[in-house]
Amino acid sequence: KSQTGPGIQYTYARLNSIIDNTNKPSNEFDPNIIQSPEIYELLNKISEFPSVLYKVSKDMKPHYLTTYVKELNDNIKEFYENCPLKYADSEEIRANRLHIVKCSINILEISMDLLVIPKVENM
């Protein structure tokens, strides 16, 4: 589990690689087919992002964001190690997982911009 900028950059690059090497999903996400605790935990962490940003700005404590991104990074790693897109049981599950990857990329991009961590497409 990484707590460093390069660890976050690696996760960002790896997620982008997944997107580049996968057919594009449909535009629909089906929350009824969440199958694993890793997905549930990652979605919960993603949902915390707006409140973390609010706390950072309200309390003027940027370390809230760094702690959040470290935890998000750990959740993302658990997700892609235990829920591979390539071996999804169905196209719907694969599409859902791909949507989760895209959401994770979006949160990482915003966080990296705020923390002035350069984004890299591959490592």
Protein backbone atom coordinates (compact mmCIF):
# COMPACT_ATOMS: atom_id res chain seq x y z
CA LYS A 1 0.00 0.00 0.00
CA SER A 2 1.52 3.23 -1.13
CA GLN A 3 1.43 6.56 0.63
CA THR A 4 3.52 8.49 -1.87
CA GLY A 5 2.94 10.64 -4.91
CA PRO A 6 4.61 8.05 -7.18
CA GLY A 7 2.28 5.37 -5.80
CA ILE A 8 -0.72 7.48 -6.71
CA GLN A 9 0.80 8.25 -10.12
CA TYR A 10 1.28 4.51 -10.68
CA THR A 11 -2.35 3.78 -9.84
CA TYR A 12 -3.49 6.60 -12.13
CA ALA A 13 -1.34 5.26 -14.99
CA ARG A 14 -2.53 1.71 -14.43
CA LEU A 15 -6.20 2.74 -14.50
CA ASN A 16 -5.64 4.69 -17.70
CA SER A 17 -3.99 1.63 -19.21
CA ILE A 18 -7.07 -0.42 -18.32
CA ILE A 19 -9.28 2.12 -20.12
CA ASP A 20 -6.97 2.19 -23.16
CA ASN A 21 -7.01 -1.60 -23.47
CA THR A 22 -10.73 -2.15 -23.01
CA ASN A 23 -13.75 -1.71 -25.23
CA LYS A 24 -15.83 1.26 -24.22
CA PRO A 25 -18.79 0.43 -21.94
CA SER A 26 -22.40 1.39 -22.26
CA ASN A 27 -23.43 4.61 -20.54
CA GLU A 28 -25.34 2.83 -17.82
CA PHE A 29 -24.14 1.79 -14.40
CA ASP A 30 -26.24 -0.81 -12.60
CA PRO A 31 -25.81 -0.64 -8.82
CA ASN A 32 -27.79 -3.87 -8.48
CA ILE A 33 -24.90 -5.96 -9.75
CA ILE A 34 -22.23 -4.93 -7.27
CA GLN A 35 -20.75 -8.29 -6.40
CA SER A 36 -17.79 -7.82 -4.13
CA PRO A 37 -16.86 -6.05 -0.91
CA GLU A 38 -13.96 -4.38 -2.76
CA ILE A 39 -16.38 -2.67 -5.13
CA TYR A 40 -18.67 -1.64 -2.30
CA GLU A 41 -15.76 -0.20 -0.30
CA LEU A 42 -14.38 1.67 -3.31
CA LEU A 43 -17.78 3.17 -4.16
CA ASN A 44 -18.20 4.26 -0.55
CA LYS A 45 -14.79 5.92 -0.63
CA ILE A 46 -15.59 7.66 -3.93
CA SER A 47 -18.84 8.97 -2.43
CA GLU A 48 -16.90 10.64 0.41
CA PHE A 49 -14.97 12.91 -1.98
CA PRO A 50 -17.31 15.95 -1.92
CA SER A 51 -17.43 16.00 1.87
CA VAL A 52 -13.64 15.67 2.10
CA LEU A 53 -13.21 18.67 -0.21
CA TYR A 54 -15.70 20.61 1.89
CA LYS A 55 -13.78 19.79 5.10
CA VAL A 56 -10.46 20.72 3.48
CA SER A 57 -11.77 24.14 2.48
CA LYS A 58 -13.75 24.76 5.66
CA ASP A 59 -11.01 23.77 8.09
CA MET A 60 -8.05 24.79 5.88
CA LYS A 61 -6.47 21.37 6.44
CA PRO A 62 -5.04 19.96 3.20
CA HIS A 63 -3.87 16.82 4.96
CA TYR A 64 -7.50 15.65 4.95
CA LEU A 65 -7.17 15.34 1.18
CA THR A 66 -3.83 13.54 1.32
CA THR A 67 -5.25 11.03 3.82
CA TYR A 68 -8.32 10.54 1.65
CA VAL A 69 -6.26 10.00 -1.53
CA LYS A 70 -4.05 7.46 0.22
CA GLU A 71 -7.13 5.55 1.39
CA LEU A 72 -8.74 5.84 -2.06
CA ASN A 73 -5.54 4.55 -3.66
CA ASP A 74 -5.58 1.55 -1.32
CA ASN A 75 -9.24 0.85 -2.18
CA ILE A 76 -8.52 1.11 -5.90
CA LYS A 77 -5.65 -1.37 -5.59
CA GLU A 78 -7.87 -3.84 -3.73
CA PHE A 79 -10.51 -3.41 -6.43
CA TYR A 80 -8.27 -4.05 -9.43
CA GLU A 81 -6.47 -6.93 -7.74
CA ASN A 82 -9.71 -8.71 -6.81
CA CYS A 83 -12.17 -7.61 -9.52
CA PRO A 84 -10.39 -7.86 -12.88
CA LEU A 85 -12.30 -6.58 -15.88
CA LYS A 86 -10.85 -9.27 -18.12
CA TYR A 87 -12.40 -12.09 -16.09
CA ALA A 88 -15.81 -10.57 -15.31
CA ASP A 89 -18.66 -13.08 -15.35
CA SER A 90 -20.72 -11.02 -17.79
CA GLU A 91 -20.58 -7.99 -20.05
CA GLU A 92 -22.77 -6.06 -17.58
CA ILE A 93 -20.35 -6.72 -14.72
CA ARG A 94 -17.39 -5.75 -16.92
CA ALA A 95 -19.14 -2.51 -17.94
CA ASN A 96 -19.90 -1.70 -14.29
CA ARG A 97 -16.29 -2.27 -13.33
CA LEU A 98 -15.14 -0.08 -16.18
CA HIS A 99 -17.40 2.71 -14.96
CA ILE A 100 -15.86 2.38 -11.52
CA VAL A 101 -12.40 2.68 -13.09
CA LYS A 102 -13.47 5.87 -14.89
CA CYS A 103 -14.90 7.37 -11.69
CA SER A 104 -11.68 6.51 -9.86
CA ILE A 105 -9.62 8.20 -12.57
CA ASN A 106 -11.76 11.35 -12.30
CA ILE A 107 -11.33 11.55 -8.52
CA LEU A 108 -7.59 10.91 -8.80
CA GLU A 109 -7.21 13.60 -11.50
CA ILE A 110 -8.95 16.24 -9.40
CA SER A 111 -7.01 15.22 -6.30
CA MET A 112 -3.68 15.18 -8.10
CA ASP A 113 -4.36 18.65 -9.50
CA LEU A 114 -5.19 19.97 -6.03
CA LEU A 115 -2.11 18.34 -4.50
CA VAL A 116 0.11 19.38 -7.44
CA ILE A 117 1.05 15.79 -8.25
CA PRO A 118 1.94 15.51 -11.96
CA LYS A 119 -0.24 13.10 -13.91
CA VAL A 120 1.54 10.45 -15.96
CA GLU A 121 -0.15 8.21 -18.51
CA ASN A 122 2.28 5.32 -18.12
CA MET A 123 5.08 4.21 -15.83
